[in-house]
Protein backbone atom coordinates (compact mmCIF):
# COMPACT_ATOMS: atom_id res chain seq x y z
CA UNK A 1 168.32 -110.10 -32.99
CA UNK A 2 170.35 -107.98 -35.75
CA UNK A 3 168.63 -104.78 -36.82
CA UNK A 4 170.08 -104.85 -40.47
CA UNK A 5 170.08 -107.87 -42.74
CA UNK A 6 172.17 -107.59 -45.83
CA UNK A 7 169.92 -108.91 -49.00
CA UNK A 8 172.32 -110.19 -51.83
CA UNK A 9 170.31 -110.19 -55.14
CA UNK A 10 171.25 -112.88 -57.42
CA UNK A 11 169.93 -114.49 -60.82
CA UNK A 12 169.56 -117.81 -60.01
CA UNK A 13 172.28 -118.90 -57.67
CA UNK A 14 171.49 -117.98 -53.99
CA UNK A 15 171.39 -121.51 -52.71
CA UNK A 16 174.43 -122.28 -54.13
CA UNK A 17 175.95 -119.02 -53.01
CA UNK A 18 175.05 -119.47 -49.28
CA UNK A 19 176.14 -123.32 -49.02
CA UNK A 20 179.43 -121.62 -50.54
CA UNK A 21 179.70 -118.75 -48.04
CA UNK A 22 178.78 -121.27 -45.12
CA UNK A 23 181.26 -123.38 -46.33
CA UNK A 24 184.14 -120.79 -46.37
CA UNK A 25 183.51 -118.91 -42.95
CA UNK A 26 183.24 -120.76 -39.52
CA UNK A 27 180.34 -120.56 -37.43
CA UNK A 28 177.83 -120.42 -40.19
CA UNK A 29 174.67 -121.56 -41.33
CA UNK A 30 171.89 -121.98 -43.68
CA UNK A 31 168.35 -121.13 -41.93
CA UNK A 32 165.20 -120.80 -43.65
CA UNK A 33 164.73 -121.54 -47.50
CA UNK A 34 161.78 -120.08 -49.10
CA UNK A 35 161.11 -121.45 -52.59
CA UNK A 36 159.07 -120.26 -55.57
CA UNK A 37 155.66 -121.94 -56.39
CA UNK A 38 153.99 -123.11 -59.39
CA UNK A 39 153.27 -120.12 -61.96
CA UNK A 40 155.63 -118.23 -59.93
CA UNK A 41 158.97 -116.16 -61.93
CA UNK A 42 160.96 -119.08 -61.60
CA UNK A 43 160.72 -122.57 -61.69
CA UNK A 44 158.65 -124.29 -59.02
CA UNK A 45 161.08 -125.62 -56.04
CA UNK A 46 163.60 -123.05 -56.80
CA UNK A 47 165.15 -121.06 -54.13
CA UNK A 48 163.32 -117.38 -53.77
CA UNK A 49 164.96 -116.48 -50.65
CA UNK A 50 167.73 -118.03 -48.66
CA UNK A 51 168.51 -116.93 -44.93
CA UNK A 52 171.95 -118.24 -43.87
CA UNK A 53 174.70 -117.12 -41.49
CA UNK A 54 178.47 -116.07 -41.35
CA UNK A 55 180.12 -116.03 -38.10
CA UNK A 56 177.03 -114.76 -36.23
CA UNK A 57 176.08 -112.17 -39.42
CA UNK A 58 172.68 -113.14 -40.76
CA UNK A 59 172.56 -112.48 -44.90
CA UNK A 60 169.55 -112.98 -47.07
CA UNK A 61 170.32 -114.25 -50.53
CA UNK A 62 167.33 -113.34 -53.27
CA UNK A 63 167.09 -115.06 -56.60
CA UNK A 64 165.61 -112.27 -58.22
CA UNK A 65 166.73 -112.77 -61.58
CA UNK A 66 169.37 -110.91 -63.99
CA UNK A 67 168.12 -107.65 -64.02
CA UNK A 68 170.88 -106.65 -61.44
CA UNK A 69 174.29 -107.62 -60.85
CA UNK A 70 177.08 -107.29 -57.87
CA UNK A 71 179.34 -103.92 -58.08
CA UNK A 72 182.76 -103.05 -56.49
CA UNK A 73 180.30 -99.75 -54.97
CA UNK A 74 179.59 -102.58 -51.90
CA UNK A 75 182.02 -104.83 -50.40
CA UNK A 76 182.50 -107.12 -47.32
CA UNK A 77 185.42 -106.65 -45.33
CA UNK A 78 186.80 -109.64 -43.66
CA UNK A 79 189.14 -108.99 -40.28
CA UNK A 80 191.80 -111.43 -40.32
CA UNK A 81 193.88 -112.24 -37.45
CA UNK A 82 197.21 -113.01 -39.23
CA UNK A 83 198.64 -113.81 -42.75
CA UNK A 84 197.59 -117.42 -42.53
CA UNK A 85 193.89 -116.35 -42.09
CA UNK A 86 194.53 -113.93 -45.28
CA UNK A 87 195.71 -116.63 -47.33
CA UNK A 88 192.72 -119.04 -46.10
CA UNK A 89 189.84 -117.01 -47.41
CA UNK A 90 191.82 -115.50 -50.27
CA UNK A 91 192.40 -119.05 -51.62
CA UNK A 92 188.92 -119.85 -50.71
CA UNK A 93 187.36 -116.85 -52.15
CA UNK A 94 188.99 -116.71 -55.52
CA UNK A 95 188.54 -120.22 -55.87
CA UNK A 96 186.42 -121.59 -59.11
CA UNK A 97 186.39 -118.32 -60.95
CA UNK A 98 186.83 -115.96 -58.39
CA UNK A 99 188.90 -112.85 -59.49
CA UNK A 100 191.57 -111.17 -57.34
CA UNK A 101 191.90 -107.48 -57.56
CA UNK A 102 194.25 -104.96 -55.77
CA UNK A 103 194.88 -104.01 -52.34
CA UNK A 104 193.18 -107.05 -50.78
CA UNK A 105 189.96 -106.53 -52.72
CA UNK A 106 188.80 -109.68 -54.94
CA UNK A 107 185.55 -110.94 -56.53
CA UNK A 108 184.21 -114.12 -55.47
CA UNK A 109 182.68 -116.44 -58.34
CA UNK A 110 179.41 -115.04 -58.18
CA UNK A 111 180.55 -111.52 -58.74
CA UNK A 112 180.60 -110.27 -54.78
CA UNK A 113 183.41 -108.27 -53.77
CA UNK A 114 185.32 -108.77 -50.56
CA UNK A 115 188.37 -106.92 -49.05
CA UNK A 116 190.39 -109.54 -46.97
CA UNK A 117 192.13 -107.43 -44.60
CA UNK A 118 194.93 -107.95 -42.06
CA UNK A 119 193.94 -106.47 -38.69
CA UNK A 120 197.64 -104.92 -38.27
CA UNK A 121 196.81 -103.04 -41.42
CA UNK A 122 195.62 -99.97 -39.46
CA UNK A 123 199.14 -99.84 -37.60
CA UNK A 124 201.11 -99.35 -40.34
CA UNK A 125 198.40 -97.25 -42.56
CA UNK A 126 197.95 -95.16 -39.77
CA UNK A 127 201.15 -95.22 -37.71
CA UNK A 128 202.76 -92.49 -36.26
CA UNK A 129 205.30 -92.15 -38.98
CA UNK A 130 203.67 -90.37 -42.02
CA UNK A 131 206.70 -91.19 -44.02
CA UNK A 132 206.29 -95.00 -43.00
CA UNK A 133 202.63 -94.99 -43.50
CA UNK A 134 203.23 -93.54 -46.91
CA UNK A 135 205.85 -96.47 -48.17
CA UNK A 136 203.19 -98.74 -46.67
CA UNK A 137 200.30 -97.45 -49.02
CA UNK A 138 203.04 -97.36 -51.96
CA UNK A 139 203.55 -100.80 -51.10
CA UNK A 140 199.83 -101.95 -50.79
CA UNK A 141 199.06 -100.33 -54.03
CA UNK A 142 201.51 -102.80 -55.85
CA UNK A 143 199.75 -105.63 -54.13
CA UNK A 144 196.74 -107.84 -54.65
CA UNK A 145 196.76 -109.83 -51.68
CA UNK A 146 198.15 -108.01 -48.65
CA UNK A 147 201.30 -109.19 -47.09
CA UNK A 148 201.45 -107.65 -43.94
CA UNK A 149 205.16 -108.76 -43.27
CA UNK A 150 205.84 -106.61 -46.57
CA UNK A 151 203.42 -103.98 -45.59
CA UNK A 152 205.58 -103.71 -42.00
CA UNK A 153 208.63 -103.34 -44.16
CA UNK A 154 208.03 -100.83 -46.25
CA UNK A 155 206.58 -98.86 -43.03
CA UNK A 156 210.06 -99.38 -41.31
CA UNK A 157 211.88 -98.42 -44.53
């Protein structure tokens, strides 16, 4: 059993969000759902908490109300094996109202921040050539979705 479970606070979209995230990531599932009853803060039958798992990581989604919203101060990094995987997650998570940011960051349609990161990123940002790493950083700062070939080219000079 994992020791830490991120709890994501939604206004009313916890169940919808869990369904969306489990459709995006492989090896994912929805677990237990607790629902508000009569006389509780949300209409009876509305999901209160939704447990879901994304590729082995368990999360809880809570319909807690409009008091809190997501910020970029918390984001989830997605380790991608290649550009095709970067492209796949980028398209899925920016669909239907998601927003692109820069340097591989985006917000999904619920406002949750994600970093879609190719595994090879560290080899160009932290490579043995400091000038190449600097060129790669400068190239990355101009990107929204990360393009690993363009970053490698910038590193190579």
